[in-house]
PDB file of N, CA and C in Angstrom:
ATOM      1  N   MET A   1     -71.069 -61.029 254.303  1.00  0.00           N
ATOM      2  CA  MET A   1     -70.092 -62.073 254.705  1.00  0.00           C
ATOM      3  C   MET A   1     -70.339 -63.366 253.714  1.00  0.00           C
ATOM      4  N   PHE A   2     -69.142 -64.035 253.461  1.00  0.00           N
ATOM      5  CA  PHE A   2     -69.192 -65.061 252.472  1.00  0.00           C
ATOM      6  C   PHE A   2     -68.541 -66.348 253.193  1.00  0.00           C
ATOM      7  N   ARG A   3     -69.081 -67.457 252.830  1.00  0.00           N
ATOM      8  CA  ARG A   3     -68.597 -68.743 253.276  1.00  0.00           C
ATOM      9  C   ARG A   3     -67.872 -69.437 252.159  1.00  0.00           C
ATOM     10  N   ILE A   4     -66.684 -69.854 252.294  1.00  0.00           N
ATOM     11  CA  ILE A   4     -65.895 -70.571 251.296  1.00  0.00           C
ATOM     12  C   ILE A   4     -65.946 -72.099 251.678  1.00  0.00           C
ATOM     13  N   PHE A   5     -66.246 -72.865 250.705  1.00  0.00           N
ATOM     14  CA  PHE A   5     -66.490 -74.325 251.025  1.00  0.00           C
ATOM     15  C   PHE A   5     -65.929 -75.172 249.841  1.00  0.00           C
ATOM     16  N   THR A   6     -65.738 -76.470 250.105  1.00  0.00           N
ATOM     17  CA  THR A   6     -65.415 -77.430 249.044  1.00  0.00           C
ATOM     18  C   THR A   6     -66.557 -78.447 249.008  1.00  0.00           C
ATOM     19  N   ARG A   7     -66.710 -79.085 247.831  1.00  0.00           N
ATOM     20  CA  ARG A   7     -67.658 -80.171 247.602  1.00  0.00           C
ATOM     21  C   ARG A   7     -67.239 -80.827 246.376  1.00  0.00           C
ATOM     22  N   THR A   8     -67.672 -82.102 246.275  1.00  0.00           N
ATOM     23  CA  THR A   8     -67.334 -82.937 245.099  1.00  0.00           C
ATOM     24  C   THR A   8     -68.637 -82.757 244.094  1.00  0.00           C
ATOM     25  N   TRP A   9     -68.269 -83.070 242.835  1.00  0.00           N
ATOM     26  CA  TRP A   9     -69.300 -82.914 241.856  1.00  0.00           C
ATOM     27  C   TRP A   9     -69.671 -84.280 241.137  1.00  0.00           C
ATOM     28  N   TRP A  10     -69.111 -85.343 241.628  1.00  0.00           N
ATOM     29  CA  TRP A  10     -69.389 -86.641 241.136  1.00  0.00           C
ATOM     30  C   TRP A  10     -69.483 -87.684 242.232  1.00  0.00           C
ATOM     31  N   GLN A  11     -70.259 -88.801 242.011  1.00  0.00           N
ATOM     32  CA  GLN A  11     -70.164 -89.859 242.989  1.00  0.00           C
ATOM     33  C   GLN A  11     -69.991 -91.163 242.146  1.00  0.00           C
ATOM     34  N   GLU A  12     -69.369 -92.136 242.907  1.00  0.00           N
ATOM     35  CA  GLU A  12     -69.104 -93.437 242.171  1.00  0.00           C
ATOM     36  C   GLU A  12     -70.332 -94.129 241.973  1.00  0.00           C
ATOM     37  N   ASN A  13     -70.515 -94.688 240.730  1.00  0.00           N
ATOM     38  CA  ASN A  13     -71.655 -95.497 240.409  1.00  0.00           C
ATOM     39  C   ASN A  13     -71.227 -96.371 239.194  1.00  0.00           C
ATOM     40  N   PRO A  14     -71.020 -97.603 239.426  1.00  0.00           N
ATOM     41  CA  PRO A  14     -70.437 -98.452 238.444  1.00  0.00           C
ATOM     42  C   PRO A  14     -71.426 -98.667 237.157  1.00  0.00           C
ATOM     43  N   GLU A  15     -72.723 -98.238 237.344  1.00  0.00           N
ATOM     44  CA  GLU A  15     -73.656 -98.387 236.254  1.00  0.00           C
ATOM     45  C   GLU A  15     -73.517 -97.186 235.256  1.00  0.00           C
ATOM     46  N   TRP A  16     -72.847 -96.165 235.615  1.00  0.00           N
ATOM     47  CA  TRP A  16     -72.697 -94.979 234.690  1.00  0.00           C
ATOM     48  C   TRP A  16     -71.332 -95.009 233.931  1.00  0.00           C
ATOM     49  N   PRO A  17     -71.314 -94.421 232.764  1.00  0.00           N
ATOM     50  CA  PRO A  17     -70.116 -94.402 232.081  1.00  0.00           C
ATOM     51  C   PRO A  17     -68.964 -93.961 232.848  1.00  0.00           C
ATOM     52  N   ASN A  18     -67.759 -94.572 232.726  1.00  0.00           N
ATOM     53  CA  ASN A  18     -66.545 -94.243 233.525  1.00  0.00           C
ATOM     54  C   ASN A  18     -66.819 -94.499 235.061  1.00  0.00           C
ATOM     55  N   GLY A  19     -67.914 -95.077 235.428  1.00  0.00           N
ATOM     56  CA  GLY A  19     -68.127 -95.288 236.840  1.00  0.00           C
ATOM     57  C   GLY A  19     -68.515 -94.104 237.724  1.00  0.00           C
ATOM     58  N   LEU A  20     -68.817 -92.952 237.015  1.00  0.00           N
ATOM     59  CA  LEU A  20     -69.080 -91.739 237.800  1.00  0.00           C
ATOM     60  C   LEU A  20     -70.506 -91.169 237.354  1.00  0.00           C
ATOM     61  N   GLU A  21     -71.272 -90.771 238.409  1.00  0.00           N
ATOM     62  CA  GLU A  21     -72.526 -90.093 238.203  1.00  0.00           C
ATOM     63  C   GLU A  21     -72.424 -88.755 238.738  1.00  0.00           C
ATOM     64  N   PRO A  22     -73.052 -87.796 237.996  1.00  0.00           N
ATOM     65  CA  PRO A  22     -73.007 -86.336 238.394  1.00  0.00           C
ATOM     66  C   PRO A  22     -73.795 -86.278 239.746  1.00  0.00           C
ATOM     67  N   GLN A  23     -73.228 -85.656 240.716  1.00  0.00           N
ATOM     68  CA  GLN A  23     -73.873 -85.493 241.980  1.00  0.00           C
ATOM     69  C   GLN A  23     -73.094 -84.412 242.825  1.00  0.00           C
ATOM     70  N   ALA A  24     -73.766 -83.274 243.144  1.00  0.00           N
ATOM     71  CA  ALA A  24     -73.207 -82.306 243.983  1.00  0.00           C
ATOM     72  C   ALA A  24     -73.116 -82.819 245.422  1.00  0.00           C
ATOM     73  N   GLY A  25     -71.962 -82.808 245.950  1.00  0.00           N
ATOM     74  CA  GLY A  25     -71.819 -83.388 247.300  1.00  0.00           C
ATOM     75  C   GLY A  25     -72.105 -82.382 248.513  1.00  0.00           C
ATOM     76  N   ARG A  26     -71.901 -82.781 249.672  1.00  0.00           N
ATOM     77  CA  ARG A  26     -72.107 -81.916 250.777  1.00  0.00           C
ATOM     78  C   ARG A  26     -71.061 -80.763 250.799  1.00  0.00           C
ATOM     79  N   LYS A  27     -71.415 -79.602 251.297  1.00  0.00           N
ATOM     80  CA  LYS A  27     -70.478 -78.492 251.462  1.00  0.00           C
ATOM     81  C   LYS A  27     -69.745 -78.531 252.739  1.00  0.00           C
ATOM     82  N   HIS A  28     -68.390 -78.484 252.660  1.00  0.00           N
ATOM     83  CA  HIS A  28     -67.553 -78.435 253.811  1.00  0.00           C
ATOM     84  C   HIS A  28     -66.901 -77.144 253.869  1.00  0.00           C
ATOM     85  N   THR A  29     -67.156 -76.356 254.916  1.00  0.00           N
ATOM     86  CA  THR A  29     -66.607 -75.017 255.060  1.00  0.00           C
ATOM     87  C   THR A  29     -65.149 -75.067 255.254  1.00  0.00           C
ATOM     88  N   ILE A  30     -64.390 -74.209 254.536  1.00  0.00           N
ATOM     89  CA  ILE A  30     -62.986 -74.112 254.790  1.00  0.00           C
ATOM     90  C   ILE A  30     -62.531 -72.623 255.220  1.00  0.00           C
ATOM     91  N   GLY A  31     -63.531 -71.763 255.152  1.00  0.00           N
ATOM     92  CA  GLY A  31     -63.263 -70.413 255.647  1.00  0.00           C
ATOM     93  C   GLY A  31     -64.353 -69.433 255.416  1.00  0.00           C
ATOM     94  N   LYS A  32     -64.176 -68.215 255.872  1.00  0.00           N
ATOM     95  CA  LYS A  32     -65.069 -67.136 255.768  1.00  0.00           C
ATOM     96  C   LYS A  32     -64.438 -65.891 255.306  1.00  0.00           C
ATOM     97  N   ALA A  33     -65.110 -65.012 254.609  1.00  0.00           N
ATOM     98  CA  ALA A  33     -64.516 -63.723 254.172  1.00  0.00           C
ATOM     99  C   ALA A  33     -65.534 -62.616 254.217  1.00  0.00           C
ATOM    100  N   ARG A  34     -65.106 -61.391 254.377  1.00  0.00           N
ATOM    101  CA  ARG A  34     -65.997 -60.280 254.515  1.00  0.00           C
ATOM    102  C   ARG A  34     -66.413 -59.725 253.155  1.00  0.00           C
ATOM    103  N   SER A  35     -65.607 -60.027 252.077  1.00  0.00           N
ATOM    104  CA  SER A  35     -65.922 -59.486 250.781  1.00  0.00           C
ATOM    105  C   SER A  35     -65.990 -60.600 249.746  1.00  0.00           C
ATOM    106  N   GLU A  36     -66.721 -60.384 248.702  1.00  0.00           N
ATOM    107  CA  GLU A  36     -66.864 -61.366 247.615  1.00  0.00           C
ATOM    108  C   GLU A  36     -65.447 -61.528 246.963  1.00  0.00           C
ATOM    109  N   GLU A  37     -64.660 -60.359 246.826  1.00  0.00           N
ATOM    110  CA  GLU A  37     -63.396 -60.437 246.298  1.00  0.00           C
ATOM    111  C   GLU A  37     -62.396 -61.301 247.058  1.00  0.00           C
ATOM    112  N   ASP A  38     -62.477 -61.242 248.434  1.00  0.00           N
ATOM    113  CA  ASP A  38     -61.610 -62.143 249.192  1.00  0.00           C
ATOM    114  C   ASP A  38     -62.069 -63.596 249.109  1.00  0.00           C
ATOM    115  N   ALA A  39     -63.351 -63.819 249.127  1.00  0.00           N
ATOM    116  CA  ALA A  39     -63.881 -65.179 249.018  1.00  0.00           C
ATOM    117  C   ALA A  39     -63.502 -65.835 247.645  1.00  0.00           C
ATOM    118  N   ARG A  40     -63.588 -65.049 246.616  1.00  0.00           N
ATOM    119  CA  ARG A  40     -63.160 -65.502 245.334  1.00  0.00           C
ATOM    120  C   ARG A  40     -61.632 -65.748 245.277  1.00  0.00           C
ATOM    121  N   ALA A  41     -60.844 -65.004 245.914  1.00  0.00           N
ATOM    122  CA  ALA A  41     -59.445 -65.168 245.992  1.00  0.00           C
ATOM    123  C   ALA A  41     -59.065 -66.518 246.712  1.00  0.00           C
ATOM    124  N   ILE A  42     -59.763 -66.598 247.879  1.00  0.00           N
ATOM    125  CA  ILE A  42     -59.446 -67.900 248.670  1.00  0.00           C
ATOM    126  C   ILE A  42     -59.854 -69.156 247.938  1.00  0.00           C
ATOM    127  N   ALA A  43     -60.944 -69.109 247.280  1.00  0.00           N
ATOM    128  CA  ALA A  43     -61.453 -70.290 246.518  1.00  0.00           C
ATOM    129  C   ALA A  43     -60.509 -70.575 245.382  1.00  0.00           C
ATOM    130  N   ARG A  44     -60.028 -69.492 244.650  1.00  0.00           N
ATOM    131  CA  ARG A  44     -59.096 -69.711 243.576  1.00  0.00           C
ATOM    132  C   ARG A  44     -57.751 -70.309 244.063  1.00  0.00           C
ATOM    133  N   GLN A  45     -57.311 -69.849 245.151  1.00  0.00           N
ATOM    134  CA  GLN A  45     -56.078 -70.262 245.740  1.00  0.00           C
ATOM    135  C   GLN A  45     -56.230 -71.751 246.077  1.00  0.00           C
ATOM    136  N   TYR A  46     -57.241 -72.143 246.777  1.00  0.00           N
ATOM    137  CA  TYR A  46     -57.474 -73.521 247.069  1.00  0.00           C
ATOM    138  C   TYR A  46     -57.441 -74.378 245.789  1.00  0.00           C
ATOM    139  N   ASN A  47     -58.253 -73.950 244.757  1.00  0.00           N
ATOM    140  CA  ASN A  47     -58.262 -74.723 243.552  1.00  0.00           C
ATOM    141  C   ASN A  47     -56.902 -74.886 242.847  1.00  0.00           C
ATOM    142  N   ARG A  48     -56.037 -73.838 242.873  1.00  0.00           N
ATOM    143  CA  ARG A  48     -54.722 -73.899 242.360  1.00  0.00           C
ATOM    144  C   ARG A  48     -53.757 -74.815 243.086  1.00  0.00           C
ATOM    145  N   THR A  49     -54.002 -74.997 244.416  1.00  0.00           N
ATOM    146  CA  THR A  49     -53.059 -75.732 245.238  1.00  0.00           C
ATOM    147  C   THR A  49     -53.565 -77.121 245.656  1.00  0.00           C
ATOM    148  N   HIS A  50     -54.822 -77.509 245.208  1.00  0.00           N
ATOM    149  CA  HIS A  50     -55.293 -78.774 245.511  1.00  0.00           C
ATOM    150  C   HIS A  50     -55.884 -79.484 244.337  1.00  0.00           C
ATOM    151  N   LYS A  51     -55.446 -80.730 244.009  1.00  0.00           N
ATOM    152  CA  LYS A  51     -55.916 -81.450 242.903  1.00  0.00           C
ATOM    153  C   LYS A  51     -57.414 -81.891 243.111  1.00  0.00           C
ATOM    154  N   PRO A  52     -58.161 -81.708 242.180  1.00  0.00           N
ATOM    155  CA  PRO A  52     -59.645 -82.120 242.291  1.00  0.00           C
ATOM    156  C   PRO A  52     -59.929 -83.579 242.494  1.00  0.00           C
ATOM    157  N   GLY A  53     -59.052 -84.423 242.072  1.00  0.00           N
ATOM    158  CA  GLY A  53     -59.217 -85.811 242.204  1.00  0.00           C
ATOM    159  C   GLY A  53     -60.336 -86.398 241.334  1.00  0.00           C
ATOM    160  N   LYS A  54     -60.597 -87.652 241.492  1.00  0.00           N
ATOM    161  CA  LYS A  54     -61.524 -88.400 240.696  1.00  0.00           C
ATOM    162  C   LYS A  54     -62.931 -87.808 240.769  1.00  0.00           C
ATOM    163  N   LEU A  55     -63.333 -87.362 241.972  1.00  0.00           N
ATOM    164  CA  LEU A  55     -64.729 -86.795 242.223  1.00  0.00           C
ATOM    165  C   LEU A  55     -64.903 -85.336 241.978  1.00  0.00           C
ATOM    166  N   SER A  56     -63.761 -84.663 241.532  1.00  0.00           N
ATOM    167  CA  SER A  56     -63.713 -83.282 241.253  1.00  0.00           C
ATOM    168  C   SER A  56     -64.098 -82.346 242.423  1.00  0.00           C
ATOM    169  N   ARG A  57     -63.367 -82.484 243.489  1.00  0.00           N
ATOM    170  CA  ARG A  57     -63.500 -81.610 244.691  1.00  0.00           C
ATOM    171  C   ARG A  57     -63.016 -80.252 244.318  1.00  0.00           C
ATOM    172  N   LYS A  58     -63.836 -79.220 244.481  1.00  0.00           N
ATOM    173  CA  LYS A  58     -63.482 -77.837 244.225  1.00  0.00           C
ATOM    174  C   LYS A  58     -63.960 -76.872 245.302  1.00  0.00           C
ATOM    175  N   ALA A  59     -63.297 -75.775 245.384  1.00  0.00           N
ATOM    176  CA  ALA A  59     -63.727 -74.747 246.375  1.00  0.00           C
ATOM    177  C   ALA A  59     -64.694 -73.734 245.609  1.00  0.00           C
ATOM    178  N   GLU A  60     -65.671 -73.350 246.461  1.00  0.00           N
ATOM    179  CA  GLU A  60     -66.714 -72.413 245.936  1.00  0.00           C
ATOM    180  C   GLU A  60     -66.968 -71.431 246.981  1.00  0.00           C
ATOM    181  N   TYR A  61     -67.807 -70.467 246.851  1.00  0.00           N
ATOM    182  CA  TYR A  61     -68.249 -69.598 247.913  1.00  0.00           C
ATOM    183  C   TYR A  61     -69.682 -69.201 247.714  1.00  0.00           C
ATOM    184  N   GLU A  62     -70.298 -68.750 248.915  1.00  0.00           N
ATOM    185  CA  GLU A  62     -71.751 -68.225 248.849  1.00  0.00           C
ATOM    186  C   GLU A  62     -71.893 -67.188 249.931  1.00  0.00           C
ATOM    187  N   GLU A  63     -72.776 -66.284 249.630  1.00  0.00           N
ATOM    188  CA  GLU A  63     -73.083 -65.233 250.593  1.00  0.00           C
ATOM    189  C   GLU A  63     -73.891 -65.761 251.722  1.00  0.00           C
ATOM    190  N   ILE A  64     -73.532 -65.310 252.933  1.00  0.00           N
ATOM    191  CA  ILE A  64     -74.260 -65.773 254.148  1.00  0.00           C
ATOM    192  C   ILE A  64     -74.592 -64.469 254.875  1.00  0.00           C
ATOM    193  N   GLU A  65     -75.585 -64.674 255.793  1.00  0.00           N
ATOM    194  CA  GLU A  65     -76.039 -63.469 256.667  1.00  0.00           C
ATOM    195  C   GLU A  65     -74.960 -63.259 257.783  1.00  0.00           C
TER     196      GLU A  65
END
């Protein structure tokens, strides 16, 4: 079983160049899949249809029990 989630990759910090500091954010579950192939497809679809924005929010997946 796989969990599909989104998270950001930056946090605002005015002391860093461009005001952004690298920081992996919390994982927010958007779905589950039975196969890695399905999880990958769901994450790719999300990333194609959602703009990552300033903090670079993207979908990923991980295997769960």
